[in-house]
Structures are given as structure tokens and as C-alpha cells.
Amino acid sequence: MKTLIIKTFLVAILLLGYFTIVSYAQSGKQNAALIKQIDSMFKDDQFWRKEFIKVQ
């Protein structure tokens, strides 16, 4: 009975670790998309800022 409880506990810990890693990997993909979007916005902003300075 005691070994069954220990095995169940170990399996639960392993599953928890697995789901933590999977959720972390998915958030990394979301962060990469967000970083790409922000970088694109920054480049557009800098382009128009330089064009504005040329006009002045």
C-alpha cells in the first residue's frame, strides 16, 4: 500500500513537471511572435522619424 502511494506521488510529480515544461514552451512561442511584432513597429517608427527629420 505504501509503495502504491509513493508511485502515485512520483507519477503526479512527473506529470506536473511535463505540463509545466509544455506551457513554458508555448509561452516562448507567443513571446517570439510578440517580439517580432514589436520589432516591426520599432522599425516603422524609426523610418518615419528619420523621414520627418529630413523634411525639417
N, C-alpha and C. Protein backbone atom coordinates (compact mmCIF):
# COMPACT_ATOMS: atom_id res chain seq x y z
N MET A 1 0.82 -1.19 0.00
CA MET A 1 0.00 0.00 0.00
C MET A 1 0.87 1.26 0.00
N LYS A 2 1.92 1.23 0.80
CA LYS A 2 2.80 2.39 0.89
C LYS A 2 3.52 2.63 -0.43
N THR A 3 3.94 1.57 -1.12
CA THR A 3 4.62 1.74 -2.41
C THR A 3 3.67 2.28 -3.47
N LEU A 4 2.41 1.92 -3.39
CA LEU A 4 1.43 2.44 -4.33
C LEU A 4 1.28 3.95 -4.17
N ILE A 5 1.26 4.41 -2.96
CA ILE A 5 1.15 5.84 -2.69
C ILE A 5 2.39 6.57 -3.20
N ILE A 6 3.55 5.99 -2.98
CA ILE A 6 4.81 6.60 -3.43
C ILE A 6 4.85 6.66 -4.96
N LYS A 7 4.44 5.56 -5.62
CA LYS A 7 4.44 5.53 -7.08
C LYS A 7 3.45 6.56 -7.64
N THR A 8 2.29 6.65 -7.04
CA THR A 8 1.29 7.62 -7.47
C THR A 8 1.83 9.05 -7.31
N PHE A 9 2.48 9.30 -6.21
CA PHE A 9 3.06 10.62 -5.95
C PHE A 9 4.14 10.95 -6.98
N LEU A 10 4.98 10.00 -7.30
CA LEU A 10 6.04 10.23 -8.29
C LEU A 10 5.46 10.49 -9.68
N VAL A 11 4.44 9.74 -10.06
CA VAL A 11 3.81 9.95 -11.36
C VAL A 11 3.18 11.34 -11.41
N ALA A 12 2.55 11.74 -10.32
CA ALA A 12 1.94 13.08 -10.27
C ALA A 12 3.00 14.16 -10.42
N ILE A 13 4.13 14.00 -9.78
CA ILE A 13 5.22 14.98 -9.90
C ILE A 13 5.75 15.03 -11.33
N LEU A 14 5.91 13.88 -11.95
CA LEU A 14 6.39 13.84 -13.33
C LEU A 14 5.41 14.51 -14.28
N LEU A 15 4.12 14.25 -14.10
CA LEU A 15 3.11 14.89 -14.96
C LEU A 15 3.09 16.40 -14.75
N LEU A 16 3.20 16.82 -13.52
CA LEU A 16 3.23 18.25 -13.24
C LEU A 16 4.44 18.90 -13.91
N GLY A 17 5.58 18.27 -13.84
CA GLY A 17 6.77 18.78 -14.50
C GLY A 17 6.61 18.85 -16.01
N TYR A 18 6.00 17.82 -16.57
CA TYR A 18 5.77 17.79 -18.02
C TYR A 18 4.87 18.93 -18.45
N PHE A 19 3.76 19.13 -17.76
CA PHE A 19 2.84 20.19 -18.15
C PHE A 19 3.44 21.57 -17.92
N THR A 20 4.29 21.70 -16.94
CA THR A 20 4.97 22.98 -16.72
C THR A 20 5.90 23.29 -17.88
N ILE A 21 6.64 22.30 -18.34
CA ILE A 21 7.57 22.49 -19.46
C ILE A 21 6.81 22.80 -20.74
N VAL A 22 5.71 22.08 -20.98
CA VAL A 22 4.93 22.31 -22.20
C VAL A 22 4.35 23.72 -22.20
N SER A 23 3.80 24.16 -21.09
CA SER A 23 3.23 25.51 -21.04
C SER A 23 4.31 26.57 -21.20
N TYR A 24 5.49 26.32 -20.67
CA TYR A 24 6.60 27.27 -20.81
C TYR A 24 7.03 27.36 -22.27
N ALA A 25 7.09 26.23 -22.97
CA ALA A 25 7.49 26.23 -24.37
C ALA A 25 6.48 26.98 -25.22
N GLN A 26 5.20 26.82 -24.91
CA GLN A 26 4.17 27.53 -25.68
C GLN A 26 4.25 29.03 -25.43
N SER A 27 4.52 29.44 -24.21
CA SER A 27 4.62 30.88 -23.94
C SER A 27 5.85 31.46 -24.64
N GLY A 28 6.89 30.66 -24.80
CA GLY A 28 8.06 31.12 -25.54
C GLY A 28 7.73 31.42 -26.98
N LYS A 29 6.87 30.60 -27.59
CA LYS A 29 6.45 30.85 -28.97
C LYS A 29 5.63 32.13 -29.04
N GLN A 30 4.78 32.35 -28.09
CA GLN A 30 3.98 33.58 -28.07
C GLN A 30 4.89 34.79 -27.88
N ASN A 31 5.87 34.65 -27.03
CA ASN A 31 6.80 35.76 -26.81
C ASN A 31 7.58 36.07 -28.07
N ALA A 32 7.95 35.05 -28.82
CA ALA A 32 8.70 35.27 -30.06
C ALA A 32 7.85 36.05 -31.05
N ALA A 33 6.57 35.72 -31.15
CA ALA A 33 5.68 36.46 -32.06
C ALA A 33 5.52 37.90 -31.59
N LEU A 34 5.41 38.10 -30.31
CA LEU A 34 5.27 39.45 -29.77
C LEU A 34 6.54 40.26 -30.00
N ILE A 35 7.69 39.65 -29.81
CA ILE A 35 8.96 40.34 -30.04
C ILE A 35 9.08 40.74 -31.51
N LYS A 36 8.67 39.86 -32.40
CA LYS A 36 8.72 40.16 -33.83
C LYS A 36 7.81 41.34 -34.17
N GLN A 37 6.62 41.36 -33.58
CA GLN A 37 5.68 42.44 -33.84
C GLN A 37 6.21 43.77 -33.30
N ILE A 38 6.75 43.76 -32.10
CA ILE A 38 7.29 44.99 -31.52
C ILE A 38 8.49 45.49 -32.32
N ASP A 39 9.33 44.59 -32.77
CA ASP A 39 10.49 44.97 -33.58
C ASP A 39 10.04 45.63 -34.88
N SER A 40 9.01 45.08 -35.49
CA SER A 40 8.48 45.66 -36.72
C SER A 40 7.93 47.06 -36.47
N MET A 41 7.22 47.24 -35.37
CA MET A 41 6.69 48.55 -35.02
C MET A 41 7.81 49.56 -34.79
N PHE A 42 8.87 49.11 -34.13
CA PHE A 42 10.01 49.98 -33.86
C PHE A 42 10.67 50.43 -35.16
N LYS A 43 10.86 49.50 -36.09
CA LYS A 43 11.49 49.84 -37.37
C LYS A 43 10.64 50.83 -38.16
N ASP A 44 9.33 50.62 -38.17
CA ASP A 44 8.44 51.56 -38.86
C ASP A 44 8.52 52.94 -38.22
N ASP A 45 8.49 52.97 -36.91
CA ASP A 45 8.56 54.25 -36.21
C ASP A 45 9.85 54.99 -36.53
N GLN A 46 10.95 54.27 -36.52
CA GLN A 46 12.24 54.91 -36.78
C GLN A 46 12.34 55.40 -38.21
N PHE A 47 11.76 54.65 -39.14
CA PHE A 47 11.78 55.07 -40.54
C PHE A 47 11.06 56.41 -40.69
N TRP A 48 9.86 56.50 -40.15
CA TRP A 48 9.09 57.74 -40.30
C TRP A 48 9.69 58.88 -39.49
N ARG A 49 10.33 58.58 -38.40
CA ARG A 49 11.01 59.61 -37.62
C ARG A 49 12.16 60.21 -38.44
N LYS A 50 12.91 59.37 -39.12
CA LYS A 50 14.03 59.85 -39.95
C LYS A 50 13.51 60.65 -41.15
N GLU A 51 12.41 60.18 -41.74
CA GLU A 51 11.83 60.92 -42.86
C GLU A 51 11.35 62.29 -42.41
N PHE A 52 10.76 62.37 -41.25
CA PHE A 52 10.29 63.64 -40.72
C PHE A 52 11.45 64.60 -40.48
N ILE A 53 12.55 64.07 -39.97
CA ILE A 53 13.73 64.91 -39.70
C ILE A 53 14.31 65.43 -41.03
N LYS A 54 14.27 64.62 -42.08
CA LYS A 54 14.77 65.05 -43.39
C LYS A 54 13.96 66.23 -43.92
N VAL A 55 12.66 66.19 -43.70
CA VAL A 55 11.76 67.23 -44.20
C VAL A 55 11.99 68.55 -43.46
N GLN A 56 12.28 68.46 -42.21
CA GLN A 56 12.50 69.68 -41.42
C GLN A 56 13.79 70.28 -41.82
